[in-house]
Amino acid sequence: MDANDTAVVKVVASEAEAQIVCGLLESAGLECSYRDTEALDSLLEEFTPAGPREVVVLKSDLAAAQALLAEAED
């Protein structure tokens, strides 16, 4: 997935939550991945794998991904 073709669909609190969200999106046929956020969450962020993650999808799938996640939250 090329970073120029992606958009952030959701920011979650942890890698485990990002995996769950990606699993939901992938089960609907949407390509997704996650990455560290740019926001500094703690002073130890550089030394630990914990912290918030951005879940990204292809820009062309953004509306469908947002709708799916909104439906899942209801």
C-alpha atoms as a PDB file:
ATOM      1  CA  MET A   1       0.000   0.000   0.000  1.00  0.00           C
ATOM      2  CA  ASP A   2       1.564   3.284  -1.137  1.00  0.00           C
ATOM      3  CA  ALA A   3       1.423   5.999   1.548  1.00  0.00           C
ATOM      4  CA  ASN A   4       0.353   8.590  -1.050  1.00  0.00           C
ATOM      5  CA  ASP A   5      -2.761   6.554  -1.824  1.00  0.00           C
ATOM      6  CA  THR A   6      -3.865   6.084   1.791  1.00  0.00           C
ATOM      7  CA  ALA A   7      -6.000   7.978   4.276  1.00  0.00           C
ATOM      8  CA  VAL A   8      -6.410   7.607   8.029  1.00  0.00           C
ATOM      9  CA  VAL A   9      -9.804   6.105   8.792  1.00  0.00           C
ATOM     10  CA  LYS A  10      -9.427   5.788  12.573  1.00  0.00           C
ATOM     11  CA  VAL A  11      -6.937   6.384  15.371  1.00  0.00           C
ATOM     12  CA  VAL A  12      -6.996   3.688  18.056  1.00  0.00           C
ATOM     13  CA  ALA A  13      -5.322   3.329  21.437  1.00  0.00           C
ATOM     14  CA  SER A  14      -3.133   0.281  20.795  1.00  0.00           C
ATOM     15  CA  GLU A  15      -1.711  -2.149  18.282  1.00  0.00           C
ATOM     16  CA  ALA A  16      -4.150  -4.833  19.443  1.00  0.00           C
ATOM     17  CA  GLU A  17      -7.108  -2.549  18.718  1.00  0.00           C
ATOM     18  CA  ALA A  18      -5.614  -1.651  15.322  1.00  0.00           C
ATOM     19  CA  GLN A  19      -5.406  -5.360  14.475  1.00  0.00           C
ATOM     20  CA  ILE A  20      -9.078  -5.823  15.372  1.00  0.00           C
ATOM     21  CA  VAL A  21     -10.157  -2.841  13.261  1.00  0.00           C
ATOM     22  CA  CYS A  22      -8.047  -4.054  10.324  1.00  0.00           C
ATOM     23  CA  GLY A  23      -9.551  -7.520  10.676  1.00  0.00           C
ATOM     24  CA  LEU A  24     -13.043  -6.063  10.405  1.00  0.00           C
ATOM     25  CA  LEU A  25     -12.112  -3.971   7.377  1.00  0.00           C
ATOM     26  CA  GLU A  26     -10.319  -6.858   5.662  1.00  0.00           C
ATOM     27  CA  SER A  27     -13.302  -9.167   6.264  1.00  0.00           C
ATOM     28  CA  ALA A  28     -15.313  -6.692   4.175  1.00  0.00           C
ATOM     29  CA  GLY A  29     -12.714  -6.841   1.388  1.00  0.00           C
ATOM     30  CA  LEU A  30     -11.026  -3.525   2.199  1.00  0.00           C
ATOM     31  CA  GLU A  31      -7.235  -3.344   2.191  1.00  0.00           C
ATOM     32  CA  CYS A  32      -5.875  -1.802   5.373  1.00  0.00           C
ATOM     33  CA  SER A  33      -2.807  -1.369   7.532  1.00  0.00           C
ATOM     34  CA  TYR A  34      -1.778   0.570  10.623  1.00  0.00           C
ATOM     35  CA  ARG A  35       1.147   2.652  11.766  1.00  0.00           C
ATOM     36  CA  ASP A  36       2.349   4.684  14.743  1.00  0.00           C
ATOM     37  CA  THR A  37       0.774   8.089  15.062  1.00  0.00           C
ATOM     38  CA  GLU A  38       2.850  11.229  14.760  1.00  0.00           C
ATOM     39  CA  ALA A  39       1.458  12.514  18.065  1.00  0.00           C
ATOM     40  CA  LEU A  40       3.690  12.108  21.091  1.00  0.00           C
ATOM     41  CA  ASP A  41       1.700  10.065  23.617  1.00  0.00           C
ATOM     42  CA  SER A  42       4.353   9.630  26.287  1.00  0.00           C
ATOM     43  CA  LEU A  43       8.023  10.247  26.959  1.00  0.00           C
ATOM     44  CA  LEU A  44       8.676   6.510  26.657  1.00  0.00           C
ATOM     45  CA  GLU A  45       7.015   6.233  23.251  1.00  0.00           C
ATOM     46  CA  GLU A  46      10.345   5.997  21.441  1.00  0.00           C
ATOM     47  CA  PHE A  47      11.378   3.032  23.593  1.00  0.00           C
ATOM     48  CA  THR A  48       8.217   0.931  23.758  1.00  0.00           C
ATOM     49  CA  PRO A  49       5.949  -0.559  21.090  1.00  0.00           C
ATOM     50  CA  ALA A  50       2.828   0.678  22.921  1.00  0.00           C
ATOM     51  CA  GLY A  51       0.716   3.685  22.056  1.00  0.00           C
ATOM     52  CA  PRO A  52      -1.845   4.931  19.587  1.00  0.00           C
ATOM     53  CA  ARG A  53      -1.988   3.682  16.011  1.00  0.00           C
ATOM     54  CA  GLU A  54      -3.479   5.143  12.840  1.00  0.00           C
ATOM     55  CA  VAL A  55      -5.519   2.684  10.801  1.00  0.00           C
ATOM     56  CA  VAL A  56      -5.174   3.520   7.107  1.00  0.00           C
ATOM     57  CA  VAL A  57      -7.082   2.442   4.015  1.00  0.00           C
ATOM     58  CA  LEU A  58      -6.865   3.309   0.354  1.00  0.00           C
ATOM     59  CA  LYS A  59      -8.291   6.761  -0.331  1.00  0.00           C
ATOM     60  CA  SER A  60     -10.752   5.174  -2.750  1.00  0.00           C
ATOM     61  CA  ASP A  61     -12.075   2.973   0.096  1.00  0.00           C
ATOM     62  CA  LEU A  62     -12.280   5.691   2.767  1.00  0.00           C
ATOM     63  CA  ALA A  63     -16.046   6.290   2.595  1.00  0.00           C
ATOM     64  CA  ALA A  64     -16.826   2.564   2.660  1.00  0.00           C
ATOM     65  CA  ALA A  65     -14.446   2.017   5.583  1.00  0.00           C
ATOM     66  CA  GLN A  66     -15.955   4.902   7.547  1.00  0.00           C
ATOM     67  CA  ALA A  67     -19.470   3.551   6.964  1.00  0.00           C
ATOM     68  CA  LEU A  68     -18.460   0.045   8.038  1.00  0.00           C
ATOM     69  CA  LEU A  69     -16.795   1.289  11.230  1.00  0.00           C
ATOM     70  CA  ALA A  70     -19.755   3.554  12.052  1.00  0.00           C
ATOM     71  CA  GLU A  71     -22.117   0.595  11.625  1.00  0.00           C
ATOM     72  CA  ALA A  72     -19.915  -1.592  13.841  1.00  0.00           C
ATOM     73  CA  GLU A  73     -19.958   1.041  16.612  1.00  0.00           C
ATOM     74  CA  ASP A  74     -23.780   1.126  16.731  1.00  0.00           C
END
